[in-house]
Amino acid sequence: MARQHPILFGLAWVATALFAPGCSDGSSRAAPEPSATPRRVVVLAPAAAEMMEALGVLDRVVGVGEFGPWPPALATAPRVGGYDAPNVERALELRAEAVLTASSVAAAPAHTRLEALSIQVAALDTSTFQGVFASLDQVGRLFGKEREAAAIAAAMRQELSAIEARAAGLARPGVLFVVGRDPLFVAGPGSHVDEMIRIAGGRNVAADVGAPYQQASLEALLERRPEVIVDTSDNHPGAPRGREAGSWGRWEFLPAVRNRRVYQVDPGRLAIPGLRLPAMTRLMARLIHPEVFGEVTTAELGP
């Protein structure tokens, strides 16, 4: 079965409000007592799991969502459903004291049920740079790791500033970042991708599409003649990676095609923001300015 692109999957929660199948009310179960510093945690978002690992509290995780493959330490943890449809009954069985998840309209009813059962819910918005740093601060406070969280944030900002300084003054080639092909979806203003392109010394050709992730007209984007195309739309196992023109090859007039600057990239390498934002931005800089930041290898663009 084809896996859905992480960003396009996120778009779906605006239109759905689901509970996990087979979830009973659970009101007859004894709810765990709330804890100021949770000892038993269900984590439903990969960004939150990475933050817990960096803060040294990953041993408190008793259940995870449907994500992967990081952090590897959670590979065998019990599954508690997706962030948009958490299994409340399963969280109770695991005696969870807190659930760390992504902000989701669809999951709001489940979050209400969890909180009514004295399970703390921390819904993080990590879809932007600002959101990532705010979420790191929130997770740090939740586990009494404020100093550690602040130190991590400072190191991240320092690395991002170094990338931006190195790209300053360089020509800004037009970059098209594709998240879906049928229909065509692109990264637009307000997305973490748009910010990465700017820091890395590029110019987002879809900066005016009106939304962070927007369905777009192919003809309109072809007219903008992108010089670099980063295509993360294919996340099937065994999908081609690296400098592969793919279906873009038919448009030979595009500078990106003519100069072999079309990159097929696994979405996990660039599309899921979190503590890896500096590493992701550096990878973006190597795609946009290999003459300065170094060429990428196929292995760096996905499995």
Protein backbone atom coordinates (compact mmCIF):
# COMPACT_ATOMS: atom_id res chain seq x y z
CA MET A 1 0.00 0.00 0.00
CA ALA A 2 1.31 3.46 -0.89
CA ARG A 3 2.33 5.67 1.98
CA GLN A 4 0.83 9.14 2.03
CA HIS A 5 3.16 12.11 1.93
CA PRO A 6 3.62 13.52 5.47
CA ILE A 7 2.61 17.05 4.47
CA LEU A 8 -0.40 15.97 2.41
CA PHE A 9 -1.45 13.68 5.26
CA GLY A 10 -1.41 16.69 7.54
CA LEU A 11 -3.70 18.60 5.19
CA ALA A 12 -6.32 15.89 5.59
CA TRP A 13 -7.05 16.61 9.25
CA VAL A 14 -8.97 19.73 8.39
CA ALA A 15 -11.63 17.56 6.76
CA THR A 16 -11.81 14.66 9.24
CA ALA A 17 -12.55 14.11 12.93
CA LEU A 18 -12.06 10.46 13.71
CA PHE A 19 -11.57 8.24 16.74
CA ALA A 20 -9.51 5.08 16.57
CA PRO A 21 -11.64 2.07 15.58
CA GLY A 22 -13.00 0.04 18.45
CA CYS A 23 -12.35 2.71 21.06
CA SER A 24 -14.77 2.44 23.93
CA ASP A 25 -15.53 5.35 26.22
CA GLY A 26 -13.11 4.07 28.83
CA SER A 27 -14.91 5.95 31.60
CA SER A 28 -15.17 2.80 33.70
CA ARG A 29 -11.37 2.51 33.91
CA ALA A 30 -9.39 4.10 36.68
CA ALA A 31 -7.69 7.16 35.21
CA PRO A 32 -4.04 7.77 36.16
CA GLU A 33 -3.37 10.61 38.53
CA PRO A 34 -1.92 13.66 36.76
CA SER A 35 1.78 14.29 37.36
CA ALA A 36 3.62 17.62 37.26
CA THR A 37 6.44 15.79 35.50
CA PRO A 38 4.91 12.90 33.54
CA ARG A 39 6.54 9.51 34.04
CA ARG A 40 4.49 7.55 31.49
CA VAL A 41 4.10 9.27 28.14
CA VAL A 42 2.50 8.43 24.81
CA VAL A 43 4.18 10.35 21.98
CA LEU A 44 2.31 10.63 18.70
CA ALA A 45 4.53 13.06 16.74
CA PRO A 46 8.08 12.34 15.55
CA ALA A 47 9.22 15.89 16.35
CA ALA A 48 8.08 15.45 19.95
CA ALA A 49 9.86 12.10 20.18
CA GLU A 50 13.08 13.68 18.93
CA MET A 51 12.78 16.41 21.54
CA MET A 52 12.27 13.87 24.32
CA GLU A 53 15.33 11.96 23.14
CA ALA A 54 17.46 15.12 23.07
CA LEU A 55 16.28 16.02 26.59
CA GLY A 56 17.12 12.56 27.94
CA VAL A 57 13.56 11.51 28.82
CA LEU A 58 12.85 8.98 26.09
CA ASP A 59 12.73 6.22 28.72
CA ARG A 60 9.36 7.63 29.83
CA VAL A 61 7.69 6.70 26.53
CA VAL A 62 5.21 3.83 26.91
CA GLY A 63 3.50 4.15 23.52
CA VAL A 64 3.99 5.82 20.15
CA GLY A 65 2.05 6.88 17.09
CA GLU A 66 2.24 5.61 13.54
CA PHE A 67 5.52 7.23 12.60
CA GLY A 68 9.10 6.24 11.95
CA PRO A 69 11.84 5.38 11.53
CA TRP A 70 13.14 7.70 14.24
CA PRO A 71 14.09 7.64 16.98
CA PRO A 72 15.21 4.01 16.50
CA ALA A 73 14.88 3.34 20.24
CA LEU A 74 11.09 3.49 19.85
CA ALA A 75 10.86 0.98 17.00
CA THR A 76 9.24 -1.72 19.16
CA ALA A 77 7.12 0.51 21.42
CA PRO A 78 3.36 -0.19 21.52
CA ARG A 79 1.35 1.68 18.87
CA VAL A 80 -1.43 4.03 19.94
CA GLY A 81 -2.74 5.21 16.57
CA GLY A 82 -2.04 8.30 14.50
CA TYR A 83 -1.77 11.83 15.85
CA ASP A 84 -5.11 12.66 14.21
CA ALA A 85 -6.88 9.59 15.60
CA PRO A 86 -5.29 8.48 18.89
CA ASN A 87 -6.67 5.35 20.52
CA VAL A 88 -7.86 6.64 23.89
CA GLU A 89 -8.54 3.16 25.24
CA ARG A 90 -4.99 2.04 24.42
CA ALA A 91 -3.54 5.10 26.16
CA LEU A 92 -5.50 4.16 29.28
CA GLU A 93 -4.28 0.57 29.11
CA LEU A 94 -0.70 1.87 29.03
CA ARG A 95 -1.46 4.06 32.10
CA ALA A 96 -0.32 7.15 30.23
CA GLU A 97 -0.04 10.34 32.25
CA ALA A 98 0.57 12.57 29.24
CA VAL A 99 0.20 12.50 25.47
CA LEU A 100 2.57 14.51 23.29
CA THR A 101 1.12 15.03 19.85
CA ALA A 102 0.81 17.42 16.92
CA SER A 103 -1.84 20.12 16.78
CA SER A 104 -4.83 18.73 14.90
CA VAL A 105 -8.39 19.84 14.37
CA ALA A 106 -9.39 16.24 13.71
CA ALA A 107 -7.96 15.01 17.01
CA ALA A 108 -9.66 17.65 19.19
CA PRO A 109 -12.49 15.32 20.35
CA ALA A 110 -9.97 12.65 21.35
CA HIS A 111 -7.87 15.25 23.17
CA THR A 112 -10.95 16.33 25.12
CA ARG A 113 -11.61 12.72 26.14
CA LEU A 114 -8.01 12.23 27.24
CA GLU A 115 -8.03 15.37 29.36
CA ALA A 116 -11.37 14.35 30.90
CA LEU A 117 -9.62 11.15 32.00
CA SER A 118 -6.81 13.16 33.66
CA ILE A 119 -4.33 12.48 30.87
CA GLN A 120 -2.43 15.65 30.07
CA VAL A 121 -2.33 16.57 26.36
CA ALA A 122 0.47 18.67 24.88
CA ALA A 123 -0.47 19.47 21.27
CA LEU A 124 2.60 20.91 19.55
CA ASP A 125 2.65 23.04 16.41
CA THR A 126 5.97 22.24 14.74
CA SER A 127 4.96 23.27 11.22
CA THR A 128 7.11 26.43 11.26
CA PHE A 129 10.52 27.49 12.56
CA GLN A 130 8.86 29.54 15.30
CA GLY A 131 6.63 26.60 16.18
CA VAL A 132 9.56 24.23 16.53
CA PHE A 133 11.34 26.50 19.01
CA ALA A 134 8.13 27.17 20.95
CA SER A 135 7.44 23.42 21.11
CA LEU A 136 10.96 22.67 22.33
CA ASP A 137 10.45 25.21 25.11
CA GLN A 138 7.08 23.66 25.96
CA VAL A 139 8.49 20.12 26.14
CA GLY A 140 11.42 21.34 28.22
CA ARG A 141 9.05 22.91 30.76
CA LEU A 142 6.86 19.80 30.82
CA PHE A 143 9.76 17.61 31.92
CA GLY A 144 11.64 20.14 34.04
CA LYS A 145 14.40 20.42 31.41
CA GLU A 146 14.20 24.13 30.66
CA ARG A 147 17.97 24.68 30.71
CA GLU A 148 18.64 21.76 28.41
CA ALA A 149 15.92 22.89 26.00
CA ALA A 150 17.31 26.43 25.93
CA ALA A 151 20.81 25.13 25.20
CA ILE A 152 19.54 22.99 22.31
CA ALA A 153 17.59 25.95 20.90
CA ALA A 154 20.64 28.20 21.12
CA ALA A 155 22.80 25.66 19.25
CA MET A 156 20.13 25.30 16.56
CA ARG A 157 19.88 29.05 16.05
CA GLN A 158 23.65 29.36 15.89
CA GLU A 159 23.89 26.74 13.14
CA LEU A 160 21.03 28.31 11.18
CA SER A 161 22.69 31.73 11.44
CA ALA A 162 25.95 30.27 10.16
CA ILE A 163 24.20 28.82 7.11
CA GLU A 164 22.42 32.10 6.43
CA ALA A 165 25.66 34.08 6.75
CA ARG A 166 27.46 31.76 4.35
CA ALA A 167 24.65 32.09 1.77
CA ALA A 168 24.43 35.87 2.09
CA GLY A 169 25.42 37.69 -1.09
CA LEU A 170 25.03 34.63 -3.32
CA ALA A 171 22.78 34.69 -6.36
CA ARG A 172 19.31 33.43 -5.41
CA PRO A 173 18.16 30.78 -7.87
CA GLY A 174 14.44 30.06 -8.18
CA VAL A 175 13.50 26.92 -6.24
CA LEU A 176 10.34 24.84 -6.63
CA PHE A 177 9.58 22.49 -3.73
CA VAL A 178 7.02 19.83 -4.68
CA VAL A 179 5.06 17.87 -2.07
CA GLY A 180 2.48 16.25 -4.33
CA ARG A 181 2.12 15.56 -8.06
CA ASP A 182 -1.44 14.32 -8.62
CA PRO A 183 -2.70 16.94 -8.02
CA LEU A 184 0.31 19.25 -7.86
CA PHE A 185 0.98 20.64 -4.37
CA VAL A 186 3.89 22.95 -3.59
CA ALA A 187 5.43 24.56 -0.52
CA GLY A 188 4.43 28.20 -0.27
CA PRO A 189 4.69 31.14 2.13
CA GLY A 190 4.56 30.43 5.86
CA SER A 191 5.91 26.89 5.54
CA HIS A 192 9.17 25.79 7.15
CA VAL A 193 10.29 24.89 3.62
CA ASP A 194 9.89 28.49 2.47
CA GLU A 195 12.07 29.64 5.37
CA MET A 196 14.68 26.96 4.66
CA ILE A 197 14.91 28.07 1.03
CA ARG A 198 15.44 31.68 2.12
CA ILE A 199 18.12 30.86 4.69
CA ALA A 200 19.87 28.54 2.24
CA GLY A 201 20.21 31.27 -0.37
CA GLY A 202 17.34 30.47 -2.69
CA ARG A 203 14.11 32.10 -3.87
CA ASN A 204 10.87 30.18 -3.56
CA VAL A 205 9.10 30.46 -6.93
CA ALA A 206 5.84 29.58 -5.15
CA ALA A 207 6.20 32.26 -2.47
CA ASP A 208 2.95 33.91 -3.57
CA VAL A 209 0.62 30.90 -3.82
CA GLY A 210 -1.31 32.00 -0.74
CA ALA A 211 -0.88 29.09 1.69
CA PRO A 212 1.96 27.10 3.29
CA TYR A 213 1.03 24.07 1.15
CA GLN A 214 -1.10 24.85 -1.85
CA GLN A 215 -2.46 23.11 -4.91
CA ALA A 216 -0.95 24.95 -7.85
CA SER A 217 -1.19 25.31 -11.61
CA LEU A 218 1.55 23.41 -13.43
CA GLU A 219 1.45 25.88 -16.31
CA ALA A 220 1.94 28.85 -13.97
CA LEU A 221 4.92 27.23 -12.28
CA LEU A 222 6.52 26.21 -15.58
CA GLU A 223 6.35 29.85 -16.64
CA ARG A 224 8.49 30.74 -13.64
CA ARG A 225 11.26 28.47 -14.96
CA PRO A 226 12.67 27.17 -11.65
CA GLU A 227 16.41 26.66 -11.59
CA VAL A 228 16.20 24.01 -8.85
CA ILE A 229 13.36 21.53 -8.36
CA VAL A 230 13.16 19.56 -5.12
CA ASP A 231 10.52 16.87 -5.55
CA THR A 232 9.45 15.02 -2.39
CA SER A 233 6.16 13.75 -3.81
CA ASP A 234 7.12 10.07 -4.15
CA ASN A 235 7.51 8.32 -0.81
CA HIS A 236 6.96 4.77 -2.06
CA PRO A 237 9.53 2.20 -0.91
CA GLY A 238 12.26 1.99 -3.52
CA ALA A 239 11.35 5.32 -5.14
CA PRO A 240 14.20 6.87 -7.17
CA ARG A 241 16.41 9.31 -5.29
CA GLY A 242 19.09 11.76 -6.32
CA ARG A 243 19.46 13.73 -9.55
CA GLU A 244 16.52 12.21 -11.37
CA ALA A 245 14.47 14.41 -13.69
CA GLY A 246 11.59 11.94 -13.61
CA SER A 247 8.42 13.33 -15.15
CA TRP A 248 9.96 16.83 -15.10
CA GLY A 249 12.27 15.69 -17.88
CA ARG A 250 9.63 16.38 -20.52
CA TRP A 251 10.02 20.11 -19.87
CA GLU A 252 13.49 20.49 -21.35
CA PHE A 253 13.24 24.28 -21.45
CA LEU A 254 13.33 24.46 -17.65
CA PRO A 255 16.74 25.52 -16.32
CA ALA A 256 16.43 22.88 -13.57
CA VAL A 257 16.03 20.13 -16.18
CA ARG A 258 18.61 21.48 -18.60
CA ASN A 259 21.25 21.81 -15.86
CA ARG A 260 20.39 18.53 -14.06
CA ARG A 261 19.19 20.31 -10.94
CA VAL A 262 16.06 18.24 -10.35
CA TYR A 263 16.34 16.26 -7.11
CA GLN A 264 14.10 13.40 -6.02
CA VAL A 265 14.18 13.46 -2.21
CA ASP A 266 12.56 11.32 0.46
CA PRO A 267 10.09 13.62 2.28
CA GLY A 268 11.50 12.66 5.66
CA ARG A 269 14.76 14.41 4.76
CA LEU A 270 13.21 17.85 4.31
CA ALA A 271 9.46 17.85 4.87
CA ILE A 272 9.08 17.00 8.58
CA PRO A 273 10.34 19.86 10.78
CA GLY A 274 11.75 19.39 14.26
CA LEU A 275 15.16 19.44 15.92
CA ARG A 276 16.70 18.49 12.58
CA LEU A 277 15.84 21.90 11.09
CA PRO A 278 19.51 23.00 10.95
CA ALA A 279 20.55 19.75 9.27
CA MET A 280 17.62 19.99 6.88
CA THR A 281 18.47 23.60 6.05
CA ARG A 282 22.08 22.66 5.39
CA LEU A 283 20.90 19.90 3.06
CA MET A 284 18.70 22.45 1.28
CA ALA A 285 21.71 24.76 0.95
CA ARG A 286 23.67 21.94 -0.70
CA LEU A 287 20.84 21.42 -3.19
CA ILE A 288 20.64 25.12 -3.99
CA HIS A 289 24.33 26.09 -3.78
CA PRO A 290 26.48 22.95 -4.18
CA GLU A 291 29.34 25.17 -5.38
CA VAL A 292 29.54 26.63 -1.85
CA PHE A 293 28.08 24.01 0.48
CA GLY A 294 29.16 20.85 -1.37
CA GLU A 295 27.43 18.34 -3.61
CA VAL A 296 24.94 15.90 -2.11
CA THR A 297 25.11 12.15 -2.55
CA THR A 298 22.16 9.98 -3.49
CA ALA A 299 22.29 8.30 -0.08
CA GLU A 300 21.73 11.65 1.62
CA LEU A 301 18.45 12.13 -0.23
CA GLY A 302 16.72 9.06 1.07
CA PRO A 303 16.70 5.28 1.42
